[in-house]
Amino acid sequence: MAENRKMRGLKTRPSLFVATLVLCLMASFLSVGMPPVSAAVPPIENTMPTSCGSRATSPRHYEVAASPETVHWGYYSKNRAPVIAINSQDYVTLETITHHAGDDYDRMIAGDPAIEDIYSWTAEGKIVSDRGPGVHILTGPVYVCGAEPGDLLEVRVVDLKLRPSGLDPTKTYGSNASAWWGF
């Protein structure tokens, strides 16, 4: 019986590899001749709406910087007040912080005032004092005007960029590779 299972696994692996290779090649041709999505993104607005107002005639683009006022640490709650309210089809650039930054203060925190404030924890207190049981630092929440419970929301990730180091803006760090988390 164990022999048959082993043989089945050996027979399916090459076909899975070929199928994956074919899908990757097909996907690589999807964007040929298409303009980059980021070219269609409107310029960033100077304001950040916190309530629903009149709907603009075209999509708008907002930026939410990570700061003690816009992040929450270790939990996600529907009861948390939104940091921004947007309309359907608007763009939002969310700045995020890795919870691994505490692993290497010099590379990932020092020199960046926003991250220094988020990670500030002294005998006098913490700036981000409402920390949950988890480790992740989340930016938001974002309220979508007109959305109701049970609605399906489509979110498209247009681009990802690494946050530059506070001490050396030519370098970026997202995780401490020298840490040993049981790997």
Protein backbone atom coordinates (compact mmCIF):
# COMPACT_ATOMS: atom_id res chain seq x y z
CA MET A 1 0.00 0.00 0.00
CA ALA A 2 2.77 2.43 0.94
CA GLU A 3 4.58 1.43 -2.25
CA ASN A 4 1.56 2.47 -4.37
CA ARG A 5 1.35 5.88 -2.66
CA LYS A 6 5.03 6.49 -3.35
CA MET A 7 4.62 5.63 -7.04
CA ARG A 8 1.56 7.89 -7.41
CA GLY A 9 3.54 10.80 -5.96
CA LEU A 10 6.40 10.20 -8.35
CA LYS A 11 4.06 10.12 -11.34
CA THR A 12 2.20 13.33 -10.49
CA ARG A 13 5.19 15.56 -9.64
CA PRO A 14 6.47 15.89 -13.24
CA SER A 15 2.97 16.69 -14.52
CA LEU A 16 2.50 19.32 -11.78
CA PHE A 17 5.84 20.85 -12.68
CA VAL A 18 4.90 21.02 -16.37
CA ALA A 19 1.48 22.50 -15.57
CA THR A 20 3.05 25.15 -13.33
CA LEU A 21 5.62 26.00 -15.99
CA VAL A 22 2.92 26.36 -18.68
CA LEU A 23 0.79 28.61 -16.43
CA CYS A 24 3.78 30.82 -15.62
CA LEU A 25 4.64 31.19 -19.31
CA MET A 26 1.04 32.03 -20.18
CA ALA A 27 0.85 34.60 -17.37
CA SER A 28 4.04 36.28 -18.56
CA PHE A 29 2.34 37.16 -21.86
CA LEU A 30 -0.80 38.66 -20.29
CA SER A 31 0.72 42.10 -19.80
CA VAL A 32 2.28 42.36 -23.29
CA GLY A 33 0.97 45.50 -24.93
CA MET A 34 -0.90 46.66 -21.82
CA PRO A 35 0.03 49.97 -20.14
CA PRO A 36 1.33 49.63 -16.58
CA VAL A 37 -1.45 49.94 -14.00
CA SER A 38 0.53 52.53 -12.04
CA ALA A 39 0.31 54.88 -15.06
CA ALA A 40 -3.45 55.16 -14.48
CA VAL A 41 -3.14 56.04 -10.78
CA PRO A 42 -4.09 59.69 -10.16
CA PRO A 43 -1.76 61.98 -8.16
CA ILE A 44 -1.97 61.87 -4.36
CA GLU A 45 -4.48 64.26 -2.77
CA ASN A 46 -3.35 66.63 0.01
CA THR A 47 -6.32 65.82 2.22
CA MET A 48 -7.40 62.59 3.88
CA PRO A 49 -11.21 62.31 4.22
CA THR A 50 -12.44 60.68 7.42
CA SER A 51 -16.13 60.67 6.49
CA CYS A 52 -18.18 60.08 3.35
CA GLY A 53 -18.98 63.17 1.36
CA SER A 54 -20.04 63.78 -2.20
CA ARG A 55 -18.62 61.31 -4.70
CA ALA A 56 -15.98 62.64 -7.08
CA THR A 57 -16.48 62.15 -10.82
CA SER A 58 -13.16 60.32 -11.15
CA PRO A 59 -11.13 58.12 -8.81
CA ARG A 60 -8.91 59.87 -6.28
CA HIS A 61 -5.66 58.80 -4.65
CA TYR A 62 -4.92 59.15 -0.93
CA GLU A 63 -1.93 58.25 1.20
CA VAL A 64 -2.05 56.96 4.79
CA ALA A 65 1.36 57.22 6.43
CA ALA A 66 2.19 54.81 9.23
CA SER A 67 2.20 56.70 12.52
CA PRO A 68 1.00 56.13 16.08
CA GLU A 69 -2.36 57.64 15.04
CA THR A 70 -2.89 55.36 12.02
CA VAL A 71 -1.60 51.96 13.19
CA HIS A 72 -2.82 49.40 15.67
CA TRP A 73 -0.72 46.61 17.03
CA GLY A 74 -1.62 42.96 17.52
CA TYR A 75 -5.35 42.95 16.77
CA TYR A 76 -7.96 43.71 14.14
CA SER A 77 -11.35 45.02 15.19
CA LYS A 78 -14.46 46.23 13.38
CA ASN A 79 -14.97 48.60 16.31
CA ARG A 80 -11.84 50.62 15.57
CA ALA A 81 -12.55 54.01 13.97
CA PRO A 82 -11.39 54.26 10.33
CA VAL A 83 -8.38 56.46 9.60
CA ILE A 84 -9.71 57.27 6.11
CA ALA A 85 -13.02 57.04 4.21
CA ILE A 86 -12.87 56.39 0.47
CA ASN A 87 -15.26 55.82 -2.40
CA SER A 88 -15.32 52.76 -4.61
CA GLN A 89 -12.53 52.86 -7.23
CA ASP A 90 -10.38 55.30 -5.22
CA TYR A 91 -6.70 54.50 -4.69
CA VAL A 92 -5.07 54.33 -1.28
CA THR A 93 -1.36 54.08 -0.62
CA LEU A 94 -0.95 52.45 2.80
CA GLU A 95 2.42 52.71 4.47
CA THR A 96 3.11 49.61 6.53
CA ILE A 97 5.60 48.69 9.24
CA THR A 98 7.02 45.26 9.86
CA HIS A 99 6.78 43.83 13.35
CA HIS A 100 10.29 42.44 12.75
CA ALA A 101 11.75 45.95 12.99
CA GLY A 102 12.26 45.41 16.71
CA ASP A 103 14.72 42.65 15.85
CA ASP A 104 17.27 45.16 14.59
CA TYR A 105 16.77 48.67 15.98
CA ASP A 106 19.79 50.17 14.21
CA ARG A 107 18.76 49.10 10.72
CA MET A 108 14.98 49.21 10.82
CA ILE A 109 13.95 51.81 13.42
CA ALA A 110 16.72 54.33 14.18
CA GLY A 111 16.50 57.59 12.24
CA ASP A 112 12.86 57.11 11.18
CA PRO A 113 10.70 59.28 13.48
CA ALA A 114 7.43 57.47 12.65
CA ILE A 115 8.81 54.02 13.43
CA GLU A 116 10.65 55.34 16.50
CA ASP A 117 7.31 56.65 17.83
CA ILE A 118 5.45 53.43 17.00
CA TYR A 119 8.07 51.31 18.77
CA SER A 120 8.57 53.76 21.67
CA TRP A 121 8.17 51.88 24.95
CA THR A 122 9.78 53.38 28.03
CA ALA A 123 9.20 53.29 31.77
CA GLU A 124 6.95 56.35 31.32
CA GLY A 125 4.70 54.60 28.80
CA LYS A 126 4.08 53.64 25.17
CA ILE A 127 2.94 55.94 22.39
CA VAL A 128 0.95 53.09 20.76
CA SER A 129 -0.55 51.95 24.04
CA ASP A 130 -3.48 49.92 22.73
CA ARG A 131 -1.64 46.74 21.84
CA GLY A 132 -3.40 43.42 21.37
CA PRO A 133 -2.11 39.90 21.90
CA GLY A 134 -0.69 39.55 18.36
CA VAL A 135 2.56 40.81 16.87
CA HIS A 136 1.50 42.41 13.58
CA ILE A 137 1.32 46.17 13.09
CA LEU A 138 -1.64 47.14 10.88
CA THR A 139 -2.30 50.47 9.15
CA GLY A 140 -5.95 51.46 8.99
CA PRO A 141 -8.76 50.59 8.93
CA VAL A 142 -10.05 52.02 5.66
CA TYR A 143 -13.79 52.69 5.38
CA VAL A 144 -15.34 52.23 1.93
CA CYS A 145 -18.33 54.56 1.54
CA GLY A 146 -21.51 52.76 0.56
CA ALA A 147 -20.20 49.30 1.48
CA GLU A 148 -22.54 47.25 3.66
CA PRO A 149 -22.06 44.07 5.71
CA GLY A 150 -22.00 41.09 3.36
CA ASP A 151 -20.76 43.07 0.35
CA LEU A 152 -17.83 41.63 -1.57
CA LEU A 153 -15.02 44.17 -1.95
CA GLU A 154 -12.38 43.89 -4.65
CA VAL A 155 -8.93 45.12 -3.63
CA ARG A 156 -6.12 45.33 -6.17
CA VAL A 157 -2.50 45.66 -5.10
CA VAL A 158 -1.05 48.00 -7.71
CA ASP A 159 2.49 48.21 -6.38
CA LEU A 160 4.69 47.28 -3.45
CA LYS A 161 7.73 49.30 -2.41
CA LEU A 162 10.13 48.72 0.45
CA ARG A 163 10.42 51.45 3.06
CA PRO A 164 13.93 52.96 3.10
CA SER A 165 16.03 52.77 6.25
CA GLY A 166 15.94 55.88 8.44
CA LEU A 167 19.74 56.06 8.67
CA ASP A 168 20.57 55.11 5.07
CA PRO A 169 17.80 55.85 2.54
CA THR A 170 19.64 53.83 -0.13
CA LYS A 171 19.00 50.62 1.84
CA THR A 172 15.79 48.84 2.73
CA TYR A 173 15.09 46.21 5.36
CA GLY A 174 11.94 44.19 5.83
CA SER A 175 13.03 41.43 8.12
CA ASN A 176 16.06 40.45 10.07
CA ALA A 177 17.59 37.53 8.22
CA SER A 178 20.01 36.84 11.06
CA ALA A 179 17.17 36.04 13.46
CA TRP A 180 16.45 32.36 14.01
CA TRP A 181 12.70 31.77 14.29
CA GLY A 182 13.02 28.00 14.39
CA PHE A 183 13.94 27.53 10.72
